[in-house]
Amino acid sequence: MTETLCPAWKVLVIGGGAAVGKTTVARELAVRYRVSVLPIDAIWISLKAATDPTSSPEFHYFDPPQEELLKRTPEYLCDLHIKSAWAISETLDPVIEYLLWEQSPVILEGAWITPAVAGRWTKQYESVRAVFIHEPDVDEVLAAMLARSGERSPTHLKKVISKVCWLFGNWVREQALAERLPMVTAPPRRTLTERVLAAASR
C-alpha cells in the first residue's frame, strides 16, 4: 500500500498572473499529496453571479464585449485587473477560515489573489503557505495562452490580453517581493513544480 505524503501546510496558495503555470503546478501537487484544488476563478464566477455590474463593478470588469476591450490600452486593463484582484481577495478570508476549520489540506490557486492578502494569511496562520509565480517574458505568456486554447496564431485580442496578464504578473511580483513572500520564475517549466514546492517548504 502506497503511503500518502503529508504536506507541511493546510492551505497552499499559488498566485501569479495568467498562463504562468499555476494550474499545472496545483494539479501536480494535488496528485502527489492527494489533496483538492480550489480555483479562485470558481469564486470569481460565483461573485459575478451574485452581484450586478452597477453595484459591484469590480467583479464584472472582464465581461465587456471584445470591441470594448480593444478600445482600451493594456495598461488601462491591467489597472482594472488589479482592482478586481483587490476586491476578490478581500472576500476570501471566510474561505481560508473554513478550509482551516475543515482540516483537509487544499491548494488555492488563481490570478485574483493579491500578495498583500496572502501575506496577511501566512502571518495569521502558521499552516497557510503562499508562493507566487512570475513569467518575465511577455512572449512566453502569449505562447502559453495559445497552447492552452489550441490556437496556432494569435489574434489581436489575444495579444492584448496576454500583455495585460504580463503587466499584471509584473505588478504581482513587485507586491510579493514587498511582502517578502516566496517568488519563483516560471522558466524552466519542467522544474517549476519542484521549485514551487521547495519555496512553500521554507
N, C-alpha and C. Protein backbone atom coordinates (compact mmCIF):
# COMPACT_ATOMS: atom_id res chain seq x y z
N MET A 1 0.84 -1.20 0.00
CA MET A 1 0.00 0.00 0.00
C MET A 1 0.88 1.25 0.00
N THR A 2 0.61 2.18 -0.91
CA THR A 2 1.41 3.40 -1.01
C THR A 2 1.09 4.36 0.11
N GLU A 3 2.11 4.85 0.76
CA GLU A 3 1.91 5.79 1.86
C GLU A 3 1.57 7.18 1.31
N THR A 4 0.54 7.80 1.88
CA THR A 4 0.14 9.14 1.46
C THR A 4 1.05 10.18 2.09
N LEU A 5 1.64 11.03 1.29
CA LEU A 5 2.50 12.09 1.80
C LEU A 5 1.67 13.12 2.55
N CYS A 6 2.27 13.68 3.59
CA CYS A 6 1.57 14.69 4.39
C CYS A 6 2.23 16.04 4.17
N PRO A 7 1.55 17.01 3.58
CA PRO A 7 2.17 18.32 3.33
C PRO A 7 2.39 19.09 4.63
N ALA A 8 3.30 20.04 4.57
CA ALA A 8 3.60 20.86 5.75
C ALA A 8 2.61 21.99 5.93
N TRP A 9 1.60 22.05 5.06
CA TRP A 9 0.62 23.13 5.10
C TRP A 9 -0.78 22.54 5.06
N LYS A 10 -1.74 23.36 5.53
CA LYS A 10 -3.15 23.01 5.38
C LYS A 10 -3.75 23.72 4.17
N VAL A 11 -3.26 24.92 3.90
CA VAL A 11 -3.67 25.66 2.71
C VAL A 11 -2.42 26.17 2.01
N LEU A 12 -2.26 25.78 0.75
CA LEU A 12 -1.16 26.28 -0.06
C LEU A 12 -1.74 27.22 -1.12
N VAL A 13 -1.33 28.48 -1.05
CA VAL A 13 -1.80 29.49 -2.00
C VAL A 13 -0.77 29.61 -3.12
N ILE A 14 -1.23 29.46 -4.36
CA ILE A 14 -0.35 29.63 -5.52
C ILE A 14 -0.92 30.76 -6.37
N GLY A 15 -0.19 31.87 -6.45
CA GLY A 15 -0.66 33.04 -7.18
C GLY A 15 0.28 33.45 -8.29
N GLY A 16 -0.12 34.49 -9.00
CA GLY A 16 0.66 35.00 -10.13
C GLY A 16 -0.26 35.35 -11.27
N GLY A 17 0.29 35.92 -12.32
CA GLY A 17 -0.52 36.27 -13.49
C GLY A 17 -1.01 35.04 -14.22
N ALA A 18 -1.83 35.25 -15.23
CA ALA A 18 -2.36 34.15 -16.03
C ALA A 18 -1.25 33.51 -16.87
N ALA A 19 -1.40 32.22 -17.15
CA ALA A 19 -0.52 31.48 -18.07
C ALA A 19 0.92 31.38 -17.59
N VAL A 20 1.12 31.33 -16.27
CA VAL A 20 2.48 31.17 -15.74
C VAL A 20 2.71 29.76 -15.20
N GLY A 21 1.67 28.92 -15.19
CA GLY A 21 1.83 27.54 -14.73
C GLY A 21 1.18 27.23 -13.41
N LYS A 22 0.38 28.14 -12.87
CA LYS A 22 -0.25 27.93 -11.56
C LYS A 22 -1.11 26.66 -11.52
N THR A 23 -1.99 26.53 -12.51
CA THR A 23 -2.92 25.41 -12.54
C THR A 23 -2.19 24.09 -12.71
N THR A 24 -1.19 24.07 -13.58
CA THR A 24 -0.42 22.84 -13.80
C THR A 24 0.28 22.41 -12.51
N VAL A 25 0.92 23.35 -11.84
CA VAL A 25 1.61 23.05 -10.59
C VAL A 25 0.62 22.57 -9.54
N ALA A 26 -0.51 23.26 -9.42
CA ALA A 26 -1.52 22.88 -8.42
C ALA A 26 -2.01 21.46 -8.66
N ARG A 27 -2.26 21.13 -9.91
CA ARG A 27 -2.75 19.77 -10.22
C ARG A 27 -1.70 18.72 -9.91
N GLU A 28 -0.45 19.01 -10.24
CA GLU A 28 0.61 18.02 -9.98
C GLU A 28 0.80 17.81 -8.48
N LEU A 29 0.75 18.88 -7.71
CA LEU A 29 0.90 18.75 -6.26
C LEU A 29 -0.34 18.09 -5.65
N ALA A 30 -1.50 18.34 -6.23
CA ALA A 30 -2.73 17.72 -5.72
C ALA A 30 -2.67 16.20 -5.87
N VAL A 31 -2.13 15.74 -7.00
CA VAL A 31 -1.98 14.30 -7.23
C VAL A 31 -0.96 13.73 -6.25
N ARG A 32 0.14 14.45 -6.07
CA ARG A 32 1.21 13.95 -5.21
C ARG A 32 0.74 13.80 -3.76
N TYR A 33 0.00 14.79 -3.28
CA TYR A 33 -0.42 14.78 -1.88
C TYR A 33 -1.86 14.29 -1.67
N ARG A 34 -2.52 13.98 -2.79
CA ARG A 34 -3.92 13.52 -2.72
C ARG A 34 -4.80 14.54 -2.00
N VAL A 35 -4.70 15.78 -2.44
CA VAL A 35 -5.50 16.87 -1.87
C VAL A 35 -6.32 17.52 -2.98
N SER A 36 -7.21 18.41 -2.58
CA SER A 36 -8.08 19.10 -3.54
C SER A 36 -7.47 20.42 -3.98
N VAL A 37 -7.94 20.89 -5.13
CA VAL A 37 -7.56 22.21 -5.64
C VAL A 37 -8.82 23.06 -5.74
N LEU A 38 -8.74 24.27 -5.21
CA LEU A 38 -9.85 25.21 -5.33
C LEU A 38 -9.40 26.38 -6.21
N PRO A 39 -9.87 26.47 -7.46
CA PRO A 39 -9.51 27.59 -8.32
C PRO A 39 -10.27 28.86 -7.91
N ILE A 40 -9.55 29.95 -7.79
CA ILE A 40 -10.20 31.20 -7.42
C ILE A 40 -11.17 31.65 -8.50
N ASP A 41 -10.96 31.22 -9.74
CA ASP A 41 -11.91 31.56 -10.81
C ASP A 41 -13.32 31.11 -10.45
N ALA A 42 -13.44 29.97 -9.76
CA ALA A 42 -14.76 29.48 -9.37
C ALA A 42 -15.45 30.44 -8.42
N ILE A 43 -14.66 31.03 -7.51
CA ILE A 43 -15.22 32.01 -6.58
C ILE A 43 -15.57 33.29 -7.30
N TRP A 44 -14.72 33.70 -8.24
CA TRP A 44 -14.99 34.90 -9.03
C TRP A 44 -16.30 34.75 -9.80
N ILE A 45 -16.49 33.59 -10.43
CA ILE A 45 -17.73 33.35 -11.18
C ILE A 45 -18.94 33.43 -10.26
N SER A 46 -18.81 32.90 -9.06
CA SER A 46 -19.90 32.95 -8.09
C SER A 46 -20.19 34.39 -7.67
N LEU A 47 -19.13 35.18 -7.47
CA LEU A 47 -19.31 36.59 -7.09
C LEU A 47 -20.01 37.36 -8.21
N LYS A 48 -19.66 37.05 -9.45
CA LYS A 48 -20.32 37.71 -10.58
C LYS A 48 -21.80 37.36 -10.63
N ALA A 49 -22.10 36.09 -10.38
CA ALA A 49 -23.49 35.65 -10.44
C ALA A 49 -24.33 36.26 -9.32
N ALA A 50 -23.70 36.58 -8.20
CA ALA A 50 -24.43 37.09 -7.04
C ALA A 50 -24.52 38.61 -7.00
N THR A 51 -23.87 39.28 -7.96
CA THR A 51 -23.86 40.74 -7.98
C THR A 51 -24.23 41.25 -9.37
N ASP A 52 -24.28 42.56 -9.50
CA ASP A 52 -24.51 43.15 -10.83
C ASP A 52 -23.44 44.22 -11.08
N PRO A 53 -23.20 44.53 -12.33
CA PRO A 53 -22.12 45.46 -12.69
C PRO A 53 -22.28 46.86 -12.10
N THR A 54 -23.50 47.25 -11.79
CA THR A 54 -23.72 48.60 -11.25
C THR A 54 -23.30 48.69 -9.80
N SER A 55 -23.71 47.73 -8.99
CA SER A 55 -23.39 47.78 -7.56
C SER A 55 -22.00 47.26 -7.25
N SER A 56 -21.51 46.31 -8.05
CA SER A 56 -20.19 45.72 -7.80
C SER A 56 -19.40 45.62 -9.10
N PRO A 57 -19.02 46.75 -9.68
CA PRO A 57 -18.35 46.73 -10.99
C PRO A 57 -17.03 45.98 -10.98
N GLU A 58 -16.34 45.95 -9.83
CA GLU A 58 -15.02 45.31 -9.77
C GLU A 58 -15.07 43.81 -10.06
N PHE A 59 -16.24 43.20 -9.89
CA PHE A 59 -16.37 41.77 -10.19
C PHE A 59 -16.73 41.53 -11.66
N HIS A 60 -17.00 42.59 -12.40
CA HIS A 60 -17.51 42.45 -13.77
C HIS A 60 -16.65 43.15 -14.82
N TYR A 61 -15.47 43.62 -14.44
CA TYR A 61 -14.64 44.38 -15.37
C TYR A 61 -14.26 43.58 -16.62
N PHE A 62 -14.20 42.26 -16.51
CA PHE A 62 -13.73 41.46 -17.64
C PHE A 62 -14.86 40.78 -18.39
N ASP A 63 -16.05 41.36 -18.32
CA ASP A 63 -17.21 40.85 -19.05
C ASP A 63 -17.62 41.68 -20.26
N PRO A 64 -16.98 42.81 -20.56
CA PRO A 64 -17.45 43.63 -21.68
C PRO A 64 -17.23 42.95 -23.03
N PRO A 65 -17.91 43.42 -24.06
CA PRO A 65 -17.71 42.86 -25.41
C PRO A 65 -16.27 43.06 -25.87
N GLN A 66 -15.84 42.24 -26.81
CA GLN A 66 -14.48 42.33 -27.31
C GLN A 66 -14.17 43.72 -27.86
N GLU A 67 -15.17 44.32 -28.50
CA GLU A 67 -14.93 45.64 -29.09
C GLU A 67 -14.54 46.65 -28.01
N GLU A 68 -15.16 46.51 -26.83
CA GLU A 68 -14.84 47.42 -25.73
C GLU A 68 -13.42 47.18 -25.22
N LEU A 69 -13.04 45.91 -25.13
CA LEU A 69 -11.69 45.59 -24.68
C LEU A 69 -10.63 46.16 -25.63
N LEU A 70 -10.93 46.09 -26.93
CA LEU A 70 -9.96 46.55 -27.92
C LEU A 70 -9.82 48.07 -27.95
N LYS A 71 -10.75 48.77 -27.34
CA LYS A 71 -10.67 50.23 -27.27
C LYS A 71 -9.70 50.68 -26.18
N ARG A 72 -9.39 49.79 -25.25
CA ARG A 72 -8.59 50.15 -24.08
C ARG A 72 -7.14 49.74 -24.26
N THR A 73 -6.25 50.44 -23.58
CA THR A 73 -4.83 50.07 -23.61
C THR A 73 -4.59 48.93 -22.63
N PRO A 74 -3.55 48.14 -22.85
CA PRO A 74 -3.22 47.09 -21.88
C PRO A 74 -2.99 47.64 -20.48
N GLU A 75 -2.40 48.81 -20.40
CA GLU A 75 -2.14 49.42 -19.09
C GLU A 75 -3.44 49.74 -18.37
N TYR A 76 -4.41 50.25 -19.10
CA TYR A 76 -5.72 50.56 -18.51
C TYR A 76 -6.39 49.27 -18.02
N LEU A 77 -6.36 48.23 -18.85
CA LEU A 77 -6.98 46.97 -18.50
C LEU A 77 -6.25 46.30 -17.33
N CYS A 78 -4.93 46.47 -17.26
CA CYS A 78 -4.18 45.93 -16.13
C CYS A 78 -4.63 46.59 -14.83
N ASP A 79 -4.87 47.88 -14.89
CA ASP A 79 -5.35 48.60 -13.70
C ASP A 79 -6.69 48.03 -13.23
N LEU A 80 -7.56 47.71 -14.18
CA LEU A 80 -8.84 47.08 -13.82
C LEU A 80 -8.61 45.70 -13.21
N HIS A 81 -7.65 44.97 -13.77
CA HIS A 81 -7.31 43.64 -13.26
C HIS A 81 -6.87 43.74 -11.80
N ILE A 82 -6.05 44.73 -11.51
CA ILE A 82 -5.56 44.94 -10.14
C ILE A 82 -6.73 45.27 -9.21
N LYS A 83 -7.62 46.14 -9.65
CA LYS A 83 -8.78 46.49 -8.82
C LYS A 83 -9.66 45.27 -8.57
N SER A 84 -9.84 44.44 -9.59
CA SER A 84 -10.62 43.23 -9.42
C SER A 84 -9.94 42.28 -8.43
N ALA A 85 -8.64 42.14 -8.55
CA ALA A 85 -7.90 41.25 -7.66
C ALA A 85 -8.03 41.70 -6.21
N TRP A 86 -7.94 43.00 -5.98
CA TRP A 86 -8.11 43.51 -4.62
C TRP A 86 -9.50 43.17 -4.09
N ALA A 87 -10.52 43.42 -4.90
CA ALA A 87 -11.90 43.20 -4.46
C ALA A 87 -12.17 41.72 -4.19
N ILE A 88 -11.71 40.85 -5.09
CA ILE A 88 -11.95 39.42 -4.93
C ILE A 88 -11.16 38.88 -3.74
N SER A 89 -9.92 39.29 -3.60
CA SER A 89 -9.10 38.82 -2.48
C SER A 89 -9.72 39.16 -1.14
N GLU A 90 -10.32 40.33 -1.06
CA GLU A 90 -10.90 40.77 0.21
C GLU A 90 -12.13 39.96 0.62
N THR A 91 -12.67 39.15 -0.30
CA THR A 91 -13.81 38.30 0.06
C THR A 91 -13.37 36.92 0.54
N LEU A 92 -12.08 36.64 0.52
CA LEU A 92 -11.60 35.27 0.72
C LEU A 92 -11.26 34.89 2.15
N ASP A 93 -11.27 35.84 3.08
CA ASP A 93 -10.94 35.50 4.47
C ASP A 93 -11.83 34.37 5.02
N PRO A 94 -13.16 34.43 4.83
CA PRO A 94 -14.00 33.34 5.33
C PRO A 94 -13.69 32.00 4.66
N VAL A 95 -13.25 32.04 3.40
CA VAL A 95 -12.88 30.80 2.70
C VAL A 95 -11.66 30.16 3.39
N ILE A 96 -10.65 30.97 3.68
CA ILE A 96 -9.46 30.46 4.36
C ILE A 96 -9.83 29.90 5.73
N GLU A 97 -10.65 30.63 6.48
CA GLU A 97 -11.06 30.18 7.81
C GLU A 97 -11.80 28.85 7.74
N TYR A 98 -12.66 28.71 6.74
CA TYR A 98 -13.41 27.46 6.59
C TYR A 98 -12.48 26.31 6.22
N LEU A 99 -11.57 26.54 5.30
CA LEU A 99 -10.66 25.50 4.88
C LEU A 99 -9.78 25.03 6.04
N LEU A 100 -9.35 25.95 6.87
CA LEU A 100 -8.55 25.59 8.03
C LEU A 100 -9.38 24.83 9.06
N TRP A 101 -10.62 25.25 9.23
CA TRP A 101 -11.53 24.56 10.16
C TRP A 101 -11.80 23.13 9.70
N GLU A 102 -11.91 22.94 8.38
CA GLU A 102 -12.21 21.63 7.84
C GLU A 102 -11.04 20.66 8.00
N GLN A 103 -9.82 21.21 8.10
CA GLN A 103 -8.62 20.42 8.40
C GLN A 103 -8.09 19.55 7.26
N SER A 104 -8.74 19.57 6.11
CA SER A 104 -8.25 18.80 4.97
C SER A 104 -7.36 19.69 4.11
N PRO A 105 -6.11 19.31 3.86
CA PRO A 105 -5.22 20.16 3.06
C PRO A 105 -5.81 20.47 1.69
N VAL A 106 -5.62 21.68 1.24
CA VAL A 106 -6.16 22.11 -0.04
C VAL A 106 -5.22 23.13 -0.68
N ILE A 107 -5.22 23.17 -2.00
CA ILE A 107 -4.43 24.15 -2.74
C ILE A 107 -5.37 25.19 -3.33
N LEU A 108 -5.10 26.44 -3.05
CA LEU A 108 -5.89 27.56 -3.53
C LEU A 108 -5.07 28.26 -4.61
N GLU A 109 -5.56 28.28 -5.86
CA GLU A 109 -4.74 28.88 -6.93
C GLU A 109 -5.55 29.83 -7.79
N GLY A 110 -4.88 30.89 -8.23
CA GLY A 110 -5.56 31.81 -9.12
C GLY A 110 -4.86 33.15 -9.22
N ALA A 111 -5.20 33.87 -10.28
CA ALA A 111 -4.59 35.17 -10.53
C ALA A 111 -5.22 36.29 -9.72
N TRP A 112 -6.33 35.99 -9.04
CA TRP A 112 -7.04 37.05 -8.32
C TRP A 112 -6.55 37.24 -6.90
N ILE A 113 -5.53 36.50 -6.49
CA ILE A 113 -5.03 36.58 -5.11
C ILE A 113 -3.93 37.63 -5.03
N THR A 114 -4.14 38.67 -4.24
CA THR A 114 -3.11 39.69 -4.09
C THR A 114 -2.08 39.24 -3.05
N PRO A 115 -0.81 39.56 -3.26
CA PRO A 115 0.21 39.20 -2.27
C PRO A 115 -0.05 39.80 -0.89
N ALA A 116 -0.63 40.98 -0.84
CA ALA A 116 -0.90 41.60 0.47
C ALA A 116 -1.85 40.75 1.29
N VAL A 117 -2.90 40.26 0.66
CA VAL A 117 -3.87 39.43 1.37
C VAL A 117 -3.26 38.07 1.71
N ALA A 118 -2.53 37.48 0.76
CA ALA A 118 -1.87 36.21 1.03
C ALA A 118 -0.85 36.35 2.15
N GLY A 119 -0.14 37.46 2.17
CA GLY A 119 0.83 37.72 3.23
C GLY A 119 0.16 37.81 4.59
N ARG A 120 -1.00 38.42 4.62
CA ARG A 120 -1.75 38.50 5.88
C ARG A 120 -2.13 37.11 6.39
N TRP A 121 -2.55 36.25 5.46
CA TRP A 121 -2.91 34.88 5.87
C TRP A 121 -1.71 34.13 6.43
N THR A 122 -0.56 34.25 5.76
CA THR A 122 0.62 33.50 6.22
C THR A 122 1.10 33.99 7.57
N LYS A 123 0.89 35.27 7.85
CA LYS A 123 1.28 35.81 9.16
C LYS A 123 0.30 35.38 10.25
N GLN A 124 -0.97 35.28 9.88
CA GLN A 124 -2.01 34.96 10.86
C GLN A 124 -2.11 33.47 11.14
N TYR A 125 -1.83 32.66 10.12
CA TYR A 125 -2.00 31.21 10.26
C TYR A 125 -0.70 30.50 9.88
N GLU A 126 -0.15 29.76 10.80
CA GLU A 126 1.12 29.05 10.56
C GLU A 126 0.97 27.99 9.49
N SER A 127 -0.24 27.43 9.34
CA SER A 127 -0.44 26.34 8.38
C SER A 127 -0.83 26.82 6.98
N VAL A 128 -0.76 28.13 6.74
CA VAL A 128 -1.01 28.67 5.41
C VAL A 128 0.32 29.09 4.80
N ARG A 129 0.60 28.60 3.60
CA ARG A 129 1.80 28.99 2.87
C ARG A 129 1.38 29.63 1.54
N ALA A 130 2.20 30.51 1.02
CA ALA A 130 1.89 31.18 -0.25
C ALA A 130 3.14 31.27 -1.11
N VAL A 131 2.98 30.96 -2.38
CA VAL A 131 4.07 31.07 -3.35
C VAL A 131 3.51 31.75 -4.60
N PHE A 132 4.27 32.68 -5.16
CA PHE A 132 3.84 33.36 -6.38
C PHE A 132 4.80 33.03 -7.52
N ILE A 133 4.22 32.88 -8.71
CA ILE A 133 4.99 32.52 -9.91
C ILE A 133 5.00 33.71 -10.86
N HIS A 134 6.17 33.97 -11.45
CA HIS A 134 6.30 35.10 -12.37
C HIS A 134 6.93 34.65 -13.68
N GLU A 135 6.32 35.05 -14.79
CA GLU A 135 6.88 34.82 -16.12
C GLU A 135 7.43 36.15 -16.64
N PRO A 136 8.76 36.29 -16.76
CA PRO A 136 9.34 37.57 -17.16
C PRO A 136 9.21 37.90 -18.64
N ASP A 137 8.87 36.92 -19.48
CA ASP A 137 8.83 37.12 -20.93
C ASP A 137 7.38 37.19 -21.42
N VAL A 138 6.98 38.34 -21.96
CA VAL A 138 5.62 38.50 -22.43
C VAL A 138 5.28 37.54 -23.56
N ASP A 139 6.27 37.21 -24.39
CA ASP A 139 6.02 36.27 -25.48
C ASP A 139 5.71 34.87 -24.96
N GLU A 140 6.28 34.51 -23.83
CA GLU A 140 6.01 33.20 -23.23
C GLU A 140 4.60 33.14 -22.65
N VAL A 141 4.13 34.27 -22.14
CA VAL A 141 2.75 34.33 -21.66
C VAL A 141 1.80 34.09 -22.82
N LEU A 142 2.05 34.76 -23.94
CA LEU A 142 1.22 34.58 -25.14
C LEU A 142 1.29 33.14 -25.64
N ALA A 143 2.49 32.58 -25.68
CA ALA A 143 2.65 31.21 -26.16
C ALA A 143 1.88 30.22 -25.29
N ALA A 144 1.92 30.43 -23.99
CA ALA A 144 1.20 29.54 -23.06
C ALA A 144 -0.30 29.66 -23.26
N MET A 145 -0.77 30.87 -23.52
CA MET A 145 -2.21 31.06 -23.76
C MET A 145 -2.64 30.37 -25.05
N LEU A 146 -1.82 30.47 -26.07
CA LEU A 146 -2.14 29.81 -27.34
C LEU A 146 -2.15 28.30 -27.18
N ALA A 147 -1.17 27.78 -26.45
CA ALA A 147 -1.10 26.33 -26.23
C ALA A 147 -2.32 25.84 -25.46
N ARG A 148 -2.76 26.63 -24.52
CA ARG A 148 -3.90 26.25 -23.69
C ARG A 148 -5.20 26.23 -24.49
N SER A 149 -5.33 27.17 -25.42
CA SER A 149 -6.56 27.27 -26.21
C SER A 149 -6.50 26.47 -27.51
N GLY A 150 -5.30 25.98 -27.86
CA GLY A 150 -5.16 25.20 -29.08
C GLY A 150 -5.07 26.04 -30.34
N GLU A 151 -4.83 27.35 -30.18
CA GLU A 151 -4.72 28.23 -31.34
C GLU A 151 -3.31 28.19 -31.90
N ARG A 152 -3.20 28.33 -33.22
CA ARG A 152 -1.89 28.31 -33.86
C ARG A 152 -1.28 29.70 -33.99
N SER A 153 -2.12 30.69 -34.23
CA SER A 153 -1.61 32.05 -34.36
C SER A 153 -2.49 32.98 -33.54
N PRO A 154 -1.89 34.00 -32.93
CA PRO A 154 -2.65 34.87 -32.03
C PRO A 154 -3.48 35.92 -32.76
N THR A 155 -4.66 36.16 -32.26
CA THR A 155 -5.46 37.28 -32.74
C THR A 155 -4.96 38.55 -32.06
N HIS A 156 -5.40 39.68 -32.54
CA HIS A 156 -5.01 40.93 -31.89
C HIS A 156 -5.53 40.96 -30.46
N LEU A 157 -6.74 40.47 -30.24
CA LEU A 157 -7.31 40.46 -28.89
C LEU A 157 -6.47 39.59 -27.96
N LYS A 158 -6.03 38.43 -28.45
CA LYS A 158 -5.21 37.55 -27.62
C LYS A 158 -3.89 38.22 -27.25
N LYS A 159 -3.32 38.99 -28.17
CA LYS A 159 -2.09 39.72 -27.88
C LYS A 159 -2.33 40.76 -26.79
N VAL A 160 -3.46 41.45 -26.88
CA VAL A 160 -3.79 42.45 -25.87
C VAL A 160 -3.95 41.80 -24.50
N ILE A 161 -4.71 40.70 -24.45
CA ILE A 161 -4.96 40.02 -23.19
C ILE A 161 -3.66 39.49 -22.58
N SER A 162 -2.79 38.93 -23.42
CA SER A 162 -1.52 38.41 -22.90
C SER A 162 -0.66 39.54 -22.35
N LYS A 163 -0.70 40.70 -23.00
CA LYS A 163 0.07 41.86 -22.49
C LYS A 163 -0.50 42.32 -21.15
N VAL A 164 -1.82 42.32 -21.03
CA VAL A 164 -2.46 42.69 -19.76
C VAL A 164 -2.02 41.73 -18.65
N CYS A 165 -2.07 40.44 -18.94
CA CYS A 165 -1.70 39.44 -17.94
C CYS A 165 -0.23 39.53 -17.56
N TRP A 166 0.61 39.84 -18.53
CA TRP A 166 2.04 40.01 -18.25
C TRP A 166 2.28 41.23 -17.35
N LEU A 167 1.62 42.34 -17.67
CA LEU A 167 1.74 43.54 -16.84
C LEU A 167 1.24 43.27 -15.42
N PHE A 168 0.12 42.55 -15.33
CA PHE A 168 -0.41 42.22 -14.02
C PHE A 168 0.57 41.32 -13.26
N GLY A 169 1.17 40.37 -13.97
CA GLY A 169 2.16 39.50 -13.34
C GLY A 169 3.36 40.27 -12.80
N ASN A 170 3.77 41.31 -13.51
CA ASN A 170 4.87 42.15 -13.03
C ASN A 170 4.48 42.88 -11.75
N TRP A 171 3.23 43.35 -11.72
CA TRP A 171 2.73 44.02 -10.51
C TRP A 171 2.70 43.04 -9.34
N VAL A 172 2.22 41.83 -9.59
CA VAL A 172 2.17 40.82 -8.55
C VAL A 172 3.56 40.52 -8.01
N ARG A 173 4.54 40.42 -8.91
CA ARG A 173 5.91 40.16 -8.49
C ARG A 173 6.41 41.24 -7.54
N GLU A 174 6.19 42.50 -7.89
CA GLU A 174 6.64 43.60 -7.03
C GLU A 174 5.96 43.54 -5.66
N GLN A 175 4.66 43.25 -5.68
CA GLN A 175 3.91 43.18 -4.42
C GLN A 175 4.38 42.00 -3.57
N ALA A 176 4.63 40.86 -4.20
CA ALA A 176 5.08 39.68 -3.46
C ALA A 176 6.45 39.91 -2.83
N LEU A 177 7.33 40.54 -3.57
CA LEU A 177 8.65 40.86 -3.04
C LEU A 177 8.53 41.83 -1.87
N ALA A 178 7.63 42.80 -1.97
CA ALA A 178 7.42 43.75 -0.89
C ALA A 178 6.89 43.06 0.37
N GLU A 179 6.09 42.03 0.16
CA GLU A 179 5.54 41.26 1.29
C GLU A 179 6.50 40.18 1.78
N ARG A 180 7.64 40.04 1.09
CA ARG A 180 8.64 39.03 1.41
C ARG A 180 8.06 37.62 1.32
N LEU A 181 7.23 37.42 0.31
CA LEU A 181 6.66 36.11 0.05
C LEU A 181 7.51 35.38 -0.98
N PRO A 182 7.56 34.06 -0.94
CA PRO A 182 8.34 33.31 -1.92
C PRO A 182 7.88 33.60 -3.35
N MET A 183 8.86 33.85 -4.21
CA MET A 183 8.59 34.14 -5.62
C MET A 183 9.49 33.26 -6.47
N VAL A 184 8.90 32.54 -7.42
CA VAL A 184 9.69 31.72 -8.32
C VAL A 184 9.40 32.14 -9.76
N THR A 185 10.40 32.04 -10.62
CA THR A 185 10.19 32.34 -12.04
C THR A 185 9.64 31.09 -12.73
N ALA A 186 8.80 31.30 -13.72
CA ALA A 186 8.18 30.17 -14.42
C ALA A 186 9.20 29.31 -15.16
N PRO A 187 10.13 29.88 -15.91
CA PRO A 187 11.11 29.03 -16.60
C PRO A 187 12.24 28.60 -15.66
N PRO A 188 12.78 27.40 -15.88
CA PRO A 188 12.29 26.39 -16.83
C PRO A 188 11.08 25.66 -16.27
N ARG A 189 10.07 25.49 -17.10
CA ARG A 189 8.80 24.95 -16.61
C ARG A 189 8.90 23.49 -16.19
N ARG A 190 9.86 22.78 -16.71
CA ARG A 190 9.97 21.36 -16.35
C ARG A 190 10.31 21.18 -14.87
N THR A 191 10.88 22.20 -14.24
CA THR A 191 11.22 22.10 -12.81
C THR A 191 10.33 22.99 -11.94
N LEU A 192 9.31 23.59 -12.53
CA LEU A 192 8.51 24.58 -11.80
C LEU A 192 7.82 23.99 -10.57
N THR A 193 7.22 22.82 -10.72
CA THR A 193 6.51 22.23 -9.58
C THR A 193 7.45 22.00 -8.40
N GLU A 194 8.63 21.47 -8.66
CA GLU A 194 9.58 21.20 -7.58
C GLU A 194 10.05 22.49 -6.94
N ARG A 195 10.23 23.52 -7.75
CA ARG A 195 10.70 24.80 -7.18
C ARG A 195 9.61 25.48 -6.35
N VAL A 196 8.37 25.35 -6.80
CA VAL A 196 7.26 25.89 -6.00
C VAL A 196 7.15 25.14 -4.67
N LEU A 197 7.27 23.83 -4.73
CA LEU A 197 7.20 23.03 -3.52
C LEU A 197 8.34 23.38 -2.56
N ALA A 198 9.53 23.57 -3.09
CA ALA A 198 10.66 23.94 -2.25
C ALA A 198 10.43 25.30 -1.60
N ALA A 199 9.89 26.25 -2.36
CA ALA A 199 9.61 27.58 -1.83
C ALA A 199 8.56 27.53 -0.73
N ALA A 200 7.57 26.65 -0.91
CA ALA A 200 6.49 26.53 0.09
C ALA A 200 6.97 25.86 1.35
N SER A 201 8.07 25.16 1.28
CA SER A 201 8.57 24.40 2.44
C SER A 201 9.56 25.18 3.28
N ARG A 202 9.90 26.38 2.84
CA ARG A 202 10.90 27.16 3.60
C ARG A 202 10.30 27.71 4.89
